[in-house]
Amino acid sequence: MGLISKMRKINDKGQNLIEYALVASIVTAAVVAMSTYVFRSVQATQQMIYEESGRE
């Protein structure tokens, strides 16, 4: 195995790591963005239940 082929394998591994990190960061950003909407939805549901129970 020559030096060039070893360097290609190292570069491929580095590129794979960067791609996985990029996908993980995109998924994390999407989860964080959606958590705001989920939290608001839960609060609205709780408020609706509270108001319907007549405890205003």
C-alpha atoms as a PDB file:
ATOM      1  CA  MET A   1       0.000   0.000   0.000  1.00  0.00           C
ATOM      2  CA  GLY A   2       1.549   3.234  -1.103  1.00  0.00           C
ATOM      3  CA  LEU A   3       1.672   6.538   0.711  1.00  0.00           C
ATOM      4  CA  ILE A   4      -0.928   8.113  -1.580  1.00  0.00           C
ATOM      5  CA  SER A   5      -3.480   5.366  -0.978  1.00  0.00           C
ATOM      6  CA  LYS A   6      -2.920   5.659   2.802  1.00  0.00           C
ATOM      7  CA  MET A   7      -3.506   9.403   2.616  1.00  0.00           C
ATOM      8  CA  ARG A   8      -6.737   8.853   0.648  1.00  0.00           C
ATOM      9  CA  LYS A   9      -8.054   6.516   3.347  1.00  0.00           C
ATOM     10  CA  ILE A  10      -7.197   9.068   6.049  1.00  0.00           C
ATOM     11  CA  ASN A  11      -8.933  11.825   4.064  1.00  0.00           C
ATOM     12  CA  ASP A  12     -11.998   9.612   3.521  1.00  0.00           C
ATOM     13  CA  LYS A  13     -12.222   8.902   7.248  1.00  0.00           C
ATOM     14  CA  GLY A  14     -11.930  12.607   8.022  1.00  0.00           C
ATOM     15  CA  GLN A  15     -14.581  13.451   5.458  1.00  0.00           C
ATOM     16  CA  ASN A  16     -16.915  10.794   6.869  1.00  0.00           C
ATOM     17  CA  LEU A  17     -16.440  12.202  10.366  1.00  0.00           C
ATOM     18  CA  ILE A  18     -17.235  15.713   9.163  1.00  0.00           C
ATOM     19  CA  GLU A  19     -20.331  14.481   7.322  1.00  0.00           C
ATOM     20  CA  TYR A  20     -21.615  12.663  10.413  1.00  0.00           C
ATOM     21  CA  ALA A  21     -20.960  15.727  12.554  1.00  0.00           C
ATOM     22  CA  LEU A  22     -22.809  17.912  10.055  1.00  0.00           C
ATOM     23  CA  VAL A  23     -25.837  15.598   9.985  1.00  0.00           C
ATOM     24  CA  ALA A  24     -25.856  15.407  13.784  1.00  0.00           C
ATOM     25  CA  SER A  25     -25.726  19.201  14.080  1.00  0.00           C
ATOM     26  CA  ILE A  26     -28.583  19.642  11.588  1.00  0.00           C
ATOM     27  CA  VAL A  27     -30.728  17.119  13.460  1.00  0.00           C
ATOM     28  CA  THR A  28     -29.915  18.807  16.772  1.00  0.00           C
ATOM     29  CA  ALA A  29     -30.820  22.227  15.382  1.00  0.00           C
ATOM     30  CA  ALA A  30     -34.139  20.872  14.094  1.00  0.00           C
ATOM     31  CA  VAL A  31     -34.960  19.309  17.474  1.00  0.00           C
ATOM     32  CA  VAL A  32     -34.136  22.530  19.312  1.00  0.00           C
ATOM     33  CA  ALA A  33     -36.246  24.573  16.886  1.00  0.00           C
ATOM     34  CA  MET A  34     -39.212  22.197  17.187  1.00  0.00           C
ATOM     35  CA  SER A  35     -38.999  22.014  20.979  1.00  0.00           C
ATOM     36  CA  THR A  36     -40.216  25.605  21.195  1.00  0.00           C
ATOM     37  CA  TYR A  37     -43.367  24.764  19.245  1.00  0.00           C
ATOM     38  CA  VAL A  38     -43.971  21.555  21.188  1.00  0.00           C
ATOM     39  CA  PHE A  39     -43.598  23.439  24.476  1.00  0.00           C
ATOM     40  CA  ARG A  40     -46.094  26.081  23.345  1.00  0.00           C
ATOM     41  CA  SER A  41     -48.536  23.403  22.235  1.00  0.00           C
ATOM     42  CA  VAL A  42     -48.327  21.655  25.612  1.00  0.00           C
ATOM     43  CA  GLN A  43     -48.872  24.955  27.423  1.00  0.00           C
ATOM     44  CA  ALA A  44     -51.901  25.763  25.262  1.00  0.00           C
ATOM     45  CA  THR A  45     -53.388  22.332  25.930  1.00  0.00           C
ATOM     46  CA  GLN A  46     -52.847  22.726  29.668  1.00  0.00           C
ATOM     47  CA  GLN A  47     -54.432  26.173  29.597  1.00  0.00           C
ATOM     48  CA  MET A  48     -57.444  24.841  27.683  1.00  0.00           C
ATOM     49  CA  ILE A  49     -57.910  22.007  30.191  1.00  0.00           C
ATOM     50  CA  TYR A  50     -57.585  24.462  33.075  1.00  0.00           C
ATOM     51  CA  GLU A  51     -60.189  26.810  31.584  1.00  0.00           C
ATOM     52  CA  GLU A  52     -62.620  23.988  30.778  1.00  0.00           C
ATOM     53  CA  SER A  53     -62.423  22.652  34.317  1.00  0.00           C
ATOM     54  CA  GLY A  54     -63.887  25.948  35.574  1.00  0.00           C
ATOM     55  CA  ARG A  55     -61.031  26.955  37.862  1.00  0.00           C
ATOM     56  CA  GLU A  56     -60.501  30.430  36.545  1.00  0.00           C
END
